[in-house]
Amino acid sequence: MLSMLKKLGPGLLFAGAAIGVSHLVQSTRAGADFGLGLLWALLLVNLFKYPFFQFGPRYASATGESLLEGYHKLGKGILIAYFVLSLATMFTIQTAVTIVTAGLANSLFGDISVLNFGIDGISSIEIWTVIILLICLLILFLGKYRTLDKLIKVIIIVLTISTLVAVCFAFVEFDKPISLVQILPENPTEIAFLIAFMGWMPAPLDISVWHSIWAIEKKKDEGVFSPKTALLDFNIGFLGAIILGFAFVCLGYFIMFGNGNTFSDKAAIFSNQLIDLYTKSLGDWAYIIIGIAAFTTMFSTTITTLDASPRAMTKSLEILSNEPKKNGYLHWILILAIGTIFIFFALASEMGLLIKIATILSFITAPFYAIINYKLISSKHTPKDWRPSIGLHVLSWSGIAFLVGFSIWYLSFL
């Protein structure tokens, strides 16, 4: 068991990045507002995104290079498009996940606005944001990939156990008939939520690029990371993300559906509402379980996204300029951290808006990543033995049609 766990890594980092806002915020809200009525969306979007996520570790382990090198082989313009899209979204994504993490830290560990460092008007949430980013930076600077690889295994285990325990107790306390009637949203507000829900479920498709980079780092760290092991590692992480997505939908359904509660767009209020609703329904004893589940969910996303975007941006520039960027990772991670703090201080009260923008952008750009990942894995640049099977080809075509169709459907309502 321990030897198997040691072999795993990038797939769990994928799960850590995926299991965040999409689960704690969006899935919980899906359950609270629609009951189990959006399970069709959860299952379909996971099914149709599956091949495009899988192509990341498949390509990296089969070729020894990340998807970014592959994009460059398909055409310099594709890599430039990736770089521009990432630059346009990375700060919003990092800010969105960090805001929620800071709100939970404030709810769980207390108000620390007394530590205002002589700056008038600074709030506890803002201080927690800086502290969390500094902790993540310290871990990533000192431990690099190896520490992140080990830390995420502990986080995912704690997250999974605490979440499933909470679901079990919520189910026991649920005293209404369970309805599996599926719902297709009709008005613009509900459709916007549906697209946002699917945008980050289980994650934005550009995480496939991050996964390929982590797979290369794993191979450097371990010496051996075969395609077979890489796919097993990915499948475990992907399945875990689906299970926990379903778990958070159930938590929202069992505890919040039909009670008339609405969630605040402010991080501190949202976090208190979330934990208070759980503890009022399950009892004060559930506070620690829900708190651990919620905080580990968001901390794992915060640290993995903070690591991955700088790696991807540095690698992209190295490929485009055909020269190594000394301290490129350091420069980009500091740029991302500072940019996150700047956006947060400017838009701290607009958590809901930030999350909506980030998730909708992720869904609308998903067809781009789906098409280029499929084109790359099916091309001469991938060893023949590791190109998709007939089944994966069919699923990929279906997935591209699904993502393009839903994007057009959403845009038609704007």
Protein backbone atom coordinates (compact mmCIF):
# COMPACT_ATOMS: atom_id res chain seq x y z
CA MET A 1 0.00 0.00 0.00
CA LEU A 2 2.76 2.43 0.97
CA SER A 3 4.81 1.55 -2.10
CA MET A 4 1.78 2.19 -4.32
CA LEU A 5 1.11 5.51 -2.60
CA LYS A 6 4.75 6.51 -3.16
CA LYS A 7 4.38 5.91 -6.91
CA LEU A 8 1.38 8.22 -7.05
CA GLY A 9 1.87 11.95 -7.31
CA PRO A 10 0.76 14.03 -10.30
CA GLY A 11 -2.70 12.44 -10.25
CA LEU A 12 -3.16 13.47 -6.62
CA LEU A 13 -1.86 16.95 -7.41
CA PHE A 14 -4.48 17.04 -10.15
CA ALA A 15 -7.11 16.05 -7.59
CA GLY A 16 -5.79 18.66 -5.16
CA ALA A 17 -6.08 21.39 -7.80
CA ALA A 18 -9.47 20.14 -8.99
CA ILE A 19 -11.15 19.65 -5.61
CA GLY A 20 -11.64 23.26 -4.62
CA VAL A 21 -14.09 25.97 -5.66
CA SER A 22 -15.81 23.54 -8.04
CA HIS A 23 -16.56 21.22 -5.13
CA LEU A 24 -16.84 23.28 -1.96
CA VAL A 25 -18.61 26.28 -3.51
CA GLN A 26 -20.21 25.27 -6.81
CA SER A 27 -21.16 21.67 -5.97
CA THR A 28 -22.53 22.64 -2.57
CA ARG A 29 -24.60 25.37 -4.20
CA ALA A 30 -25.79 22.95 -6.88
CA GLY A 31 -27.10 20.64 -4.15
CA ALA A 32 -28.60 23.50 -2.15
CA ASP A 33 -30.41 25.07 -5.12
CA PHE A 34 -31.23 22.07 -7.33
CA GLY A 35 -31.05 19.07 -5.00
CA LEU A 36 -29.66 16.13 -6.98
CA GLY A 37 -31.13 17.64 -10.15
CA LEU A 38 -27.76 18.52 -11.69
CA LEU A 39 -26.15 15.11 -11.30
CA TRP A 40 -26.52 14.69 -15.06
CA ALA A 41 -24.31 17.74 -15.56
CA LEU A 42 -21.72 16.50 -13.08
CA LEU A 43 -21.50 13.08 -14.70
CA LEU A 44 -21.59 14.29 -18.31
CA VAL A 45 -18.97 16.99 -17.92
CA ASN A 46 -16.61 14.58 -16.14
CA LEU A 47 -17.15 11.96 -18.83
CA PHE A 48 -16.60 14.35 -21.73
CA LYS A 49 -13.60 16.11 -20.17
CA TYR A 50 -11.93 12.83 -19.19
CA PRO A 51 -9.92 12.13 -22.37
CA PHE A 52 -8.53 15.67 -22.58
CA PHE A 53 -7.27 15.56 -19.00
CA GLN A 54 -5.87 12.07 -19.54
CA PHE A 55 -3.92 13.15 -22.62
CA GLY A 56 -1.68 15.31 -20.38
CA PRO A 57 0.01 12.51 -18.40
CA ARG A 58 -0.29 10.14 -21.38
CA TYR A 59 1.72 12.45 -23.63
CA ALA A 60 4.24 13.47 -20.95
CA SER A 61 5.06 9.93 -19.81
CA ALA A 62 5.21 8.60 -23.38
CA THR A 63 7.44 11.36 -24.79
CA GLY A 64 9.31 12.77 -21.78
CA GLU A 65 8.06 16.29 -22.51
CA SER A 66 5.13 18.38 -21.36
CA LEU A 67 2.12 19.35 -23.43
CA LEU A 68 3.72 22.76 -23.91
CA GLU A 69 6.50 21.30 -26.07
CA GLY A 70 3.79 19.44 -27.94
CA TYR A 71 1.78 22.62 -28.52
CA HIS A 72 4.91 24.26 -29.95
CA LYS A 73 5.36 21.34 -32.34
CA LEU A 74 1.81 21.84 -33.57
CA GLY A 75 2.57 25.48 -34.24
CA LYS A 76 4.12 28.43 -32.43
CA GLY A 77 0.80 30.27 -32.57
CA ILE A 78 -0.88 27.59 -30.44
CA LEU A 79 1.66 27.98 -27.66
CA ILE A 80 1.35 31.77 -27.84
CA ALA A 81 -2.45 31.43 -27.59
CA TYR A 82 -2.01 29.22 -24.51
CA PHE A 83 0.34 31.75 -22.92
CA VAL A 84 -2.06 34.65 -23.54
CA LEU A 85 -5.08 32.72 -22.22
CA SER A 86 -3.16 31.68 -19.11
CA LEU A 87 -1.94 35.20 -18.49
CA ALA A 88 -5.52 36.47 -18.80
CA THR A 89 -6.96 33.96 -16.32
CA MET A 90 -4.24 32.94 -13.84
CA PHE A 91 -4.65 35.93 -11.51
CA THR A 92 -8.43 35.67 -11.36
CA ILE A 93 -8.27 31.92 -10.70
CA GLN A 94 -5.64 32.28 -7.97
CA THR A 95 -7.54 35.12 -6.33
CA ALA A 96 -10.83 33.21 -6.42
CA VAL A 97 -9.42 30.14 -4.67
CA THR A 98 -7.34 32.14 -2.18
CA ILE A 99 -10.32 34.29 -1.14
CA VAL A 100 -12.32 31.21 -0.19
CA THR A 101 -9.34 29.70 1.66
CA ALA A 102 -8.78 32.90 3.60
CA GLY A 103 -12.46 33.09 4.52
CA LEU A 104 -12.36 29.56 5.90
CA ALA A 105 -9.15 30.25 7.82
CA ASN A 106 -10.81 33.28 9.38
CA SER A 107 -13.85 31.22 10.36
CA LEU A 108 -11.84 28.32 11.77
CA PHE A 109 -8.83 30.02 13.36
CA GLY A 110 -10.29 33.36 14.33
CA ASP A 111 -10.29 37.04 13.50
CA ILE A 112 -6.74 38.44 13.45
CA SER A 113 -7.54 41.99 12.39
CA VAL A 114 -5.60 43.14 15.47
CA LEU A 115 -2.50 42.28 13.46
CA ASN A 116 -3.05 45.21 11.12
CA PHE A 117 0.67 46.12 11.12
CA GLY A 118 -0.23 49.77 11.54
CA ILE A 119 -2.34 49.85 8.37
CA ASP A 120 -5.76 51.36 8.99
CA GLY A 121 -8.78 49.57 7.59
CA ILE A 122 -7.08 46.24 6.88
CA SER A 123 -9.39 43.28 7.59
CA SER A 124 -8.78 39.85 9.05
CA ILE A 125 -9.57 38.22 5.67
CA GLU A 126 -6.92 40.35 3.98
CA ILE A 127 -4.35 39.39 6.60
CA TRP A 128 -5.25 35.70 6.26
CA THR A 129 -4.84 35.98 2.49
CA VAL A 130 -1.28 37.24 2.88
CA ILE A 131 -0.48 34.60 5.53
CA ILE A 132 -1.80 31.73 3.42
CA LEU A 133 0.13 32.88 0.36
CA LEU A 134 3.30 33.24 2.43
CA ILE A 135 2.88 29.72 3.86
CA CYS A 136 2.39 28.31 0.35
CA LEU A 137 5.38 30.24 -0.96
CA LEU A 138 7.57 28.97 1.89
CA ILE A 139 6.57 25.36 1.24
CA LEU A 140 7.17 25.67 -2.50
CA PHE A 141 10.46 27.58 -2.19
CA LEU A 142 12.01 25.28 0.40
CA GLY A 143 10.53 21.90 -0.49
CA LYS A 144 9.95 22.30 -4.24
CA TYR A 145 8.14 19.45 -6.04
CA ARG A 146 9.16 16.68 -3.62
CA THR A 147 7.56 18.36 -0.60
CA LEU A 148 4.44 19.26 -2.57
CA ASP A 149 4.18 15.64 -3.74
CA LYS A 150 4.31 14.34 -0.15
CA LEU A 151 2.10 17.05 1.32
CA ILE A 152 -0.70 16.57 -1.17
CA LYS A 153 -1.00 12.88 -0.28
CA VAL A 154 -1.68 13.76 3.36
CA ILE A 155 -4.10 16.53 2.38
CA ILE A 156 -6.08 14.33 -0.02
CA ILE A 157 -6.39 11.51 2.54
CA VAL A 158 -7.60 13.90 5.27
CA LEU A 159 -9.93 15.67 2.83
CA THR A 160 -11.48 12.43 1.56
CA ILE A 161 -12.07 10.91 4.99
CA SER A 162 -13.50 14.07 6.56
CA THR A 163 -15.80 14.78 3.60
CA LEU A 164 -17.18 11.23 3.38
CA VAL A 165 -17.76 11.13 7.15
CA ALA A 166 -19.70 14.40 6.89
CA VAL A 167 -21.82 13.01 4.03
CA CYS A 168 -22.63 9.86 5.98
CA PHE A 169 -23.83 11.80 9.01
CA ALA A 170 -25.79 14.26 6.86
CA PHE A 171 -27.51 11.34 5.12
CA VAL A 172 -28.48 9.78 8.45
CA GLU A 173 -30.01 13.09 9.60
CA PHE A 174 -31.89 13.62 6.31
CA ASP A 175 -35.57 12.87 6.89
CA LYS A 176 -37.13 13.56 3.48
CA PRO A 177 -37.63 11.28 0.46
CA ILE A 178 -34.62 11.45 -1.86
CA SER A 179 -35.52 12.82 -5.29
CA LEU A 180 -33.45 11.95 -8.35
CA VAL A 181 -35.51 14.07 -10.76
CA GLN A 182 -33.07 15.81 -13.12
CA ILE A 183 -33.38 19.50 -13.96
CA LEU A 184 -32.41 21.49 -17.06
CA PRO A 185 -32.05 25.17 -16.07
CA GLU A 186 -34.13 27.53 -18.19
CA ASN A 187 -33.66 31.15 -17.14
CA PRO A 188 -30.39 33.07 -17.78
CA THR A 189 -29.34 33.10 -14.11
CA GLU A 190 -29.69 29.34 -13.75
CA ILE A 191 -27.95 28.73 -17.09
CA ALA A 192 -25.05 30.96 -16.03
CA PHE A 193 -24.74 28.90 -12.84
CA LEU A 194 -24.84 25.64 -14.82
CA ILE A 195 -22.00 26.80 -17.09
CA ALA A 196 -19.99 27.98 -14.08
CA PHE A 197 -20.64 24.65 -12.35
CA MET A 198 -19.39 22.71 -15.36
CA GLY A 199 -16.55 25.14 -16.04
CA TRP A 200 -14.55 23.95 -13.06
CA MET A 201 -15.98 20.45 -12.74
CA PRO A 202 -13.80 18.65 -11.97
CA ALA A 203 -11.36 21.37 -13.08
CA PRO A 204 -10.50 23.76 -15.93
CA LEU A 205 -9.07 21.84 -18.91
CA ASP A 206 -5.80 23.78 -18.82
CA ILE A 207 -4.91 21.73 -15.74
CA SER A 208 -3.99 19.01 -18.25
CA VAL A 209 -0.93 21.17 -19.03
CA TRP A 210 -0.06 21.41 -15.34
CA HIS A 211 -0.50 17.65 -14.99
CA SER A 212 1.95 17.01 -17.81
CA ILE A 213 4.52 19.29 -16.14
CA TRP A 214 4.05 17.55 -12.77
CA ALA A 215 4.48 14.17 -14.53
CA ILE A 216 7.87 15.33 -15.87
CA GLU A 217 8.86 16.52 -12.38
CA LYS A 218 7.79 13.17 -10.93
CA LYS A 219 9.94 11.36 -13.48
CA LYS A 220 12.92 13.55 -12.55
CA ASP A 221 12.32 12.93 -8.86
CA GLU A 222 11.70 9.17 -9.04
CA GLY A 223 13.79 8.29 -12.10
CA VAL A 224 10.98 6.14 -13.53
CA PHE A 225 7.39 7.13 -14.26
CA SER A 226 6.06 4.88 -17.00
CA PRO A 227 2.96 5.65 -19.12
CA LYS A 228 1.13 2.76 -17.45
CA THR A 229 1.85 4.12 -13.96
CA ALA A 230 1.03 7.66 -15.09
CA LEU A 231 -2.41 6.61 -16.35
CA LEU A 232 -3.17 4.64 -13.17
CA ASP A 233 -2.08 7.63 -11.11
CA PHE A 234 -4.32 9.93 -13.15
CA ASN A 235 -7.35 7.63 -13.02
CA ILE A 236 -7.15 7.41 -9.23
CA GLY A 237 -6.99 11.21 -8.90
CA PHE A 238 -9.76 11.75 -11.46
CA LEU A 239 -12.08 9.21 -9.84
CA GLY A 240 -11.44 10.78 -6.45
CA ALA A 241 -12.41 14.20 -7.81
CA ILE A 242 -15.68 12.80 -9.19
CA ILE A 243 -16.57 11.03 -5.94
CA LEU A 244 -15.92 14.13 -3.85
CA GLY A 245 -17.85 16.29 -6.32
CA PHE A 246 -20.85 14.02 -5.81
CA ALA A 247 -20.23 14.13 -2.03
CA PHE A 248 -20.38 17.93 -1.90
CA VAL A 249 -23.56 17.98 -4.02
CA CYS A 250 -25.07 15.55 -1.49
CA LEU A 251 -23.96 17.72 1.43
CA GLY A 252 -25.64 20.74 -0.15
CA TYR A 253 -28.79 18.69 -0.81
CA PHE A 254 -29.05 16.96 2.57
CA ILE A 255 -28.40 20.09 4.62
CA MET A 256 -29.44 23.15 2.63
CA PHE A 257 -31.99 22.23 -0.06
CA GLY A 258 -35.34 23.94 0.41
CA ASN A 259 -34.42 25.87 3.56
CA GLY A 260 -34.40 29.26 1.86
CA ASN A 261 -30.80 30.14 2.67
CA THR A 262 -28.81 32.19 0.19
CA PHE A 263 -25.04 32.45 0.20
CA SER A 264 -23.15 35.72 0.50
CA ASP A 265 -20.60 36.82 -2.10
CA LYS A 266 -18.28 37.96 0.71
CA ALA A 267 -15.62 35.43 1.69
CA ALA A 268 -15.91 35.77 5.48
CA ILE A 269 -19.71 35.66 5.52
CA PHE A 270 -19.87 32.79 3.02
CA SER A 271 -17.43 30.69 5.08
CA ASN A 272 -19.33 31.30 8.31
CA GLN A 273 -22.65 30.51 6.58
CA LEU A 274 -21.28 27.27 5.17
CA ILE A 275 -19.88 25.94 8.42
CA ASP A 276 -22.79 27.22 10.54
CA LEU A 277 -25.36 25.51 8.32
CA TYR A 278 -23.55 22.21 8.62
CA THR A 279 -23.15 22.41 12.38
CA LYS A 280 -26.76 23.53 12.96
CA SER A 281 -28.01 20.55 10.98
CA LEU A 282 -25.57 17.92 12.27
CA GLY A 283 -24.67 19.30 15.69
CA ASP A 284 -21.74 21.22 17.15
CA TRP A 285 -19.62 18.07 17.09
CA ALA A 286 -19.55 18.31 13.25
CA TYR A 287 -17.78 21.67 13.30
CA ILE A 288 -14.29 20.18 13.30
CA ILE A 289 -15.09 17.61 10.59
CA ILE A 290 -16.67 20.16 8.25
CA GLY A 291 -13.95 22.67 9.04
CA ILE A 292 -11.17 20.22 8.19
CA ALA A 293 -12.93 19.08 5.01
CA ALA A 294 -13.56 22.64 3.82
CA PHE A 295 -10.14 24.06 4.66
CA THR A 296 -8.10 21.16 3.26
CA THR A 297 -10.23 21.34 0.12
CA MET A 298 -9.32 24.94 -0.50
CA PHE A 299 -5.74 24.88 0.79
CA SER A 300 -4.88 22.05 -1.59
CA THR A 301 -6.23 24.08 -4.50
CA THR A 302 -4.43 27.25 -3.42
CA ILE A 303 -1.00 25.65 -3.16
CA THR A 304 -1.25 23.54 -6.32
CA THR A 305 -2.45 26.42 -8.49
CA LEU A 306 0.24 28.67 -7.01
CA ASP A 307 2.84 26.07 -8.02
CA ALA A 308 1.49 25.12 -11.44
CA SER A 309 0.83 28.45 -13.18
CA PRO A 310 4.40 29.75 -12.67
CA ARG A 311 5.81 26.44 -13.93
CA ALA A 312 3.65 26.64 -17.05
CA MET A 313 4.42 30.30 -17.75
CA THR A 314 8.16 29.78 -17.28
CA LYS A 315 8.19 26.70 -19.51
CA SER A 316 6.17 28.49 -22.20
CA LEU A 317 8.63 31.39 -22.34
CA GLU A 318 11.61 29.03 -22.40
CA ILE A 319 10.17 27.18 -25.39
CA LEU A 320 9.16 30.34 -27.23
CA SER A 321 12.54 32.02 -26.70
CA ASN A 322 14.52 28.78 -27.03
CA GLU A 323 16.58 29.57 -23.96
CA PRO A 324 16.35 28.69 -20.24
CA LYS A 325 14.94 31.31 -17.90
CA LYS A 326 17.09 31.44 -14.79
CA ASN A 327 14.89 31.83 -11.74
CA GLY A 328 11.87 31.99 -14.04
CA TYR A 329 9.73 29.96 -11.64
CA LEU A 330 10.70 32.27 -8.77
CA HIS A 331 9.86 35.38 -10.76
CA TRP A 332 6.47 34.09 -11.93
CA ILE A 333 5.38 32.77 -8.55
CA LEU A 334 6.15 36.15 -6.97
CA ILE A 335 4.30 37.95 -9.79
CA LEU A 336 1.31 35.66 -9.25
CA ALA A 337 1.33 36.10 -5.45
CA ILE A 338 1.63 39.89 -5.67
CA GLY A 339 -1.01 40.08 -8.40
CA THR A 340 -3.35 37.94 -6.32
CA ILE A 341 -2.95 40.21 -3.30
CA PHE A 342 -3.53 43.32 -5.45
CA ILE A 343 -6.71 41.93 -7.03
CA PHE A 344 -7.95 40.68 -3.68
CA PHE A 345 -7.52 44.05 -1.95
CA ALA A 346 -9.30 45.74 -4.87
CA LEU A 347 -12.16 43.22 -5.15
CA ALA A 348 -12.33 41.56 -1.72
CA SER A 349 -16.09 42.06 -1.51
CA GLU A 350 -16.73 40.51 -4.92
CA MET A 351 -15.89 36.85 -4.24
CA GLY A 352 -18.98 35.62 -6.08
CA LEU A 353 -18.22 37.76 -9.14
CA LEU A 354 -14.59 36.59 -9.27
CA ILE A 355 -15.60 32.94 -9.05
CA LYS A 356 -18.28 33.40 -11.71
CA ILE A 357 -15.84 35.12 -14.11
CA ALA A 358 -13.12 32.52 -13.57
CA THR A 359 -15.39 29.50 -13.96
CA ILE A 360 -17.26 30.79 -17.02
CA LEU A 361 -13.98 31.73 -18.74
CA SER A 362 -12.73 28.23 -18.03
CA PHE A 363 -15.75 26.64 -19.68
CA ILE A 364 -15.71 28.91 -22.73
CA THR A 365 -11.99 28.24 -23.34
CA ALA A 366 -12.39 24.48 -22.75
CA PRO A 367 -13.00 23.66 -26.47
CA PHE A 368 -9.60 25.20 -27.32
CA TYR A 369 -7.76 22.88 -24.92
CA ALA A 370 -9.88 19.89 -25.89
CA ILE A 371 -9.14 20.29 -29.60
CA ILE A 372 -5.39 20.90 -29.30
CA ASN A 373 -4.90 18.10 -26.74
CA TYR A 374 -6.74 15.69 -29.02
CA LYS A 375 -4.85 16.86 -32.10
CA LEU A 376 -1.50 16.45 -30.32
CA ILE A 377 -2.14 13.00 -28.85
CA SER A 378 -3.37 11.75 -32.23
CA SER A 379 -0.42 13.19 -34.17
CA LYS A 380 2.96 11.86 -35.22
CA HIS A 381 4.47 13.59 -32.18
CA THR A 382 3.00 10.89 -29.91
CA PRO A 383 4.45 7.35 -30.08
CA LYS A 384 2.02 5.11 -31.95
CA ASP A 385 1.53 2.73 -29.00
CA TRP A 386 0.21 5.59 -26.85
CA ARG A 387 -2.16 7.24 -29.27
CA PRO A 388 -5.87 6.98 -28.38
CA SER A 389 -7.86 3.80 -28.89
CA ILE A 390 -11.00 3.81 -31.04
CA GLY A 391 -13.07 4.25 -27.88
CA LEU A 392 -11.05 7.30 -26.79
CA HIS A 393 -11.33 8.76 -30.29
CA VAL A 394 -15.13 8.48 -30.16
CA LEU A 395 -15.27 9.89 -26.63
CA SER A 396 -13.00 12.77 -27.68
CA TRP A 397 -15.18 13.68 -30.67
CA SER A 398 -18.25 13.55 -28.43
CA GLY A 399 -16.51 15.64 -25.78
CA ILE A 400 -15.50 18.35 -28.25
CA ALA A 401 -19.07 18.51 -29.59
CA PHE A 402 -20.43 18.72 -26.02
CA LEU A 403 -18.07 21.52 -24.95
CA VAL A 404 -18.56 23.55 -28.14
CA GLY A 405 -22.33 23.05 -28.08
CA PHE A 406 -22.74 24.14 -24.47
CA SER A 407 -20.47 27.16 -24.98
CA ILE A 408 -22.56 28.31 -27.96
CA TRP A 409 -25.76 27.67 -25.99
CA TYR A 410 -24.49 29.82 -23.12
CA LEU A 411 -23.26 32.63 -25.37
CA SER A 412 -26.66 32.73 -27.09
CA PHE A 413 -28.23 33.77 -23.77
CA LEU A 414 -25.87 36.70 -23.20
